[in-house]
Structure formats: C-alpha cells, structure tokens
Amino acid sequence: MEEKIVRYDHPNGEITVLWIPERCEHAAVCVKSLPQVYHPKDRPWITAQNANTAELIDQIKRCPSGALQYELKK
C-alpha cells in the first residue's frame, strides 16, 4: 500500500514540507525545534510560512522517524 503524503507548500515558493503520517513516532522533535511552525492540535498542523527555508531544512533533517521530509523547488 502506498504511503499517504501530506504536502505543505511554503508561500515563498522555495520549499514544500512533506509529512508521512504512518511514519510519525510522535517524538515531538519538530514541535520543540520550531514551535511557531508545528501545532499538533491545529488543522492544518504545519504552518510552514512561520519559518524560512533554512530553518525548516535544519529541523526536518532532525526528524528521527523520517516522517517529515522536504522538496526544494528550483
């Protein structure tokens, strides 16, 4: 079965944050690292516009489960 991927485009047009819910271990590294972006109780729960591209990439690379990923747009 194909994994569900939820996409959150940043309004700057540089990056899209990808979330794969089935992989999420709920370690909360994202929430602790960028609380202005990740709000688990809200929908949508990711507000990518509240951080710049470099901040998002740095945080996403620290996701222990790989549930958060990103795509750069050239």
C-alpha atoms as a PDB file:
ATOM      1  CA  MET A   1       0.000   0.000   0.000  1.00  0.00           C
ATOM      2  CA  GLU A   2       1.297   3.458  -0.881  1.00  0.00           C
ATOM      3  CA  GLU A   3       2.075   5.799   2.000  1.00  0.00           C
ATOM      4  CA  LYS A   4      -0.052   8.890   2.420  1.00  0.00           C
ATOM      5  CA  ILE A   5       1.983  12.079   1.971  1.00  0.00           C
ATOM      6  CA  VAL A   6       0.581  15.436   3.072  1.00  0.00           C
ATOM      7  CA  ARG A   7       2.161  18.466   1.405  1.00  0.00           C
ATOM      8  CA  TYR A   8       2.554  21.935   2.902  1.00  0.00           C
ATOM      9  CA  ASP A   9       3.809  24.493   0.383  1.00  0.00           C
ATOM     10  CA  HIS A  10       5.712  27.473   1.727  1.00  0.00           C
ATOM     11  CA  PRO A  11       4.408  30.734   0.247  1.00  0.00           C
ATOM     12  CA  ASN A  12       7.999  31.708  -0.672  1.00  0.00           C
ATOM     13  CA  GLY A  13       7.845  29.071  -3.416  1.00  0.00           C
ATOM     14  CA  GLU A  14      11.212  27.583  -2.385  1.00  0.00           C
ATOM     15  CA  ILE A  15      10.194  24.573  -0.315  1.00  0.00           C
ATOM     16  CA  THR A  16       7.386  22.105   0.308  1.00  0.00           C
ATOM     17  CA  VAL A  17       7.237  20.319   3.663  1.00  0.00           C
ATOM     18  CA  LEU A  18       6.134  16.700   3.343  1.00  0.00           C
ATOM     19  CA  TRP A  19       4.566  14.745   6.203  1.00  0.00           C
ATOM     20  CA  ILE A  20       4.123  10.976   6.091  1.00  0.00           C
ATOM     21  CA  PRO A  21       1.710  10.272   8.973  1.00  0.00           C
ATOM     22  CA  GLU A  22       2.296   6.497   9.079  1.00  0.00           C
ATOM     23  CA  ARG A  23       5.989   7.061   9.858  1.00  0.00           C
ATOM     24  CA  CYS A  24       5.485   9.593  12.649  1.00  0.00           C
ATOM     25  CA  GLU A  25       6.742   8.387  16.042  1.00  0.00           C
ATOM     26  CA  HIS A  26       5.422  11.485  17.857  1.00  0.00           C
ATOM     27  CA  ALA A  27       8.869  12.225  19.298  1.00  0.00           C
ATOM     28  CA  ALA A  28       7.950  15.954  19.177  1.00  0.00           C
ATOM     29  CA  VAL A  29      11.378  16.999  17.907  1.00  0.00           C
ATOM     30  CA  CYS A  30       9.600  19.188  15.353  1.00  0.00           C
ATOM     31  CA  VAL A  31       7.399  20.902  17.938  1.00  0.00           C
ATOM     32  CA  LYS A  32      10.323  21.533  20.276  1.00  0.00           C
ATOM     33  CA  SER A  33      12.574  22.805  17.475  1.00  0.00           C
ATOM     34  CA  LEU A  34      10.110  25.077  15.681  1.00  0.00           C
ATOM     35  CA  PRO A  35       7.039  25.634  17.858  1.00  0.00           C
ATOM     36  CA  GLN A  36       5.951  28.513  15.621  1.00  0.00           C
ATOM     37  CA  VAL A  37       5.559  26.044  12.724  1.00  0.00           C
ATOM     38  CA  TYR A  38       4.237  22.824  14.272  1.00  0.00           C
ATOM     39  CA  HIS A  39       0.910  22.852  16.135  1.00  0.00           C
ATOM     40  CA  PRO A  40      -0.278  19.224  16.588  1.00  0.00           C
ATOM     41  CA  LYS A  41      -3.759  20.183  17.790  1.00  0.00           C
ATOM     42  CA  ASP A  42      -4.487  22.564  14.901  1.00  0.00           C
ATOM     43  CA  ARG A  43      -5.539  21.794  11.326  1.00  0.00           C
ATOM     44  CA  PRO A  44      -3.517  22.311   9.287  1.00  0.00           C
ATOM     45  CA  TRP A  45      -0.929  21.454  11.901  1.00  0.00           C
ATOM     46  CA  ILE A  46       2.064  22.692   9.902  1.00  0.00           C
ATOM     47  CA  THR A  47       2.336  26.415   9.124  1.00  0.00           C
ATOM     48  CA  ALA A  48       5.496  26.424   7.027  1.00  0.00           C
ATOM     49  CA  GLN A  49       5.276  30.176   6.443  1.00  0.00           C
ATOM     50  CA  ASN A  50       6.312  30.759  10.057  1.00  0.00           C
ATOM     51  CA  ALA A  51       9.941  29.791   9.315  1.00  0.00           C
ATOM     52  CA  ASN A  52      12.377  30.324   6.491  1.00  0.00           C
ATOM     53  CA  THR A  53      13.662  27.615   4.174  1.00  0.00           C
ATOM     54  CA  ALA A  54      16.951  27.092   6.044  1.00  0.00           C
ATOM     55  CA  GLU A  55      15.186  26.742   9.409  1.00  0.00           C
ATOM     56  CA  LEU A  56      12.760  24.179   8.001  1.00  0.00           C
ATOM     57  CA  ILE A  57      15.508  22.119   6.366  1.00  0.00           C
ATOM     58  CA  ASP A  58      17.570  22.106   9.568  1.00  0.00           C
ATOM     59  CA  GLN A  59      14.613  20.914  11.644  1.00  0.00           C
ATOM     60  CA  ILE A  60      13.388  18.338   9.116  1.00  0.00           C
ATOM     61  CA  LYS A  61      16.833  16.734   8.995  1.00  0.00           C
ATOM     62  CA  ARG A  62      16.485  16.066  12.736  1.00  0.00           C
ATOM     63  CA  CYS A  63      13.173  14.186  12.443  1.00  0.00           C
ATOM     64  CA  PRO A  64      14.032  10.771  13.951  1.00  0.00           C
ATOM     65  CA  SER A  65      11.416   8.790  12.023  1.00  0.00           C
ATOM     66  CA  GLY A  66      11.710  10.403   8.612  1.00  0.00           C
ATOM     67  CA  ALA A  67       8.040  11.354   8.763  1.00  0.00           C
ATOM     68  CA  LEU A  68       8.997  14.912   7.847  1.00  0.00           C
ATOM     69  CA  GLN A  69      10.758  15.467   4.559  1.00  0.00           C
ATOM     70  CA  TYR A  70      11.056  18.310   2.108  1.00  0.00           C
ATOM     71  CA  GLU A  71      11.251  19.141  -1.566  1.00  0.00           C
ATOM     72  CA  LEU A  72      13.162  22.145  -2.854  1.00  0.00           C
ATOM     73  CA  LYS A  73      11.816  23.953  -5.881  1.00  0.00           C
ATOM     74  CA  LYS A  74      14.366  25.353  -8.286  1.00  0.00           C
END
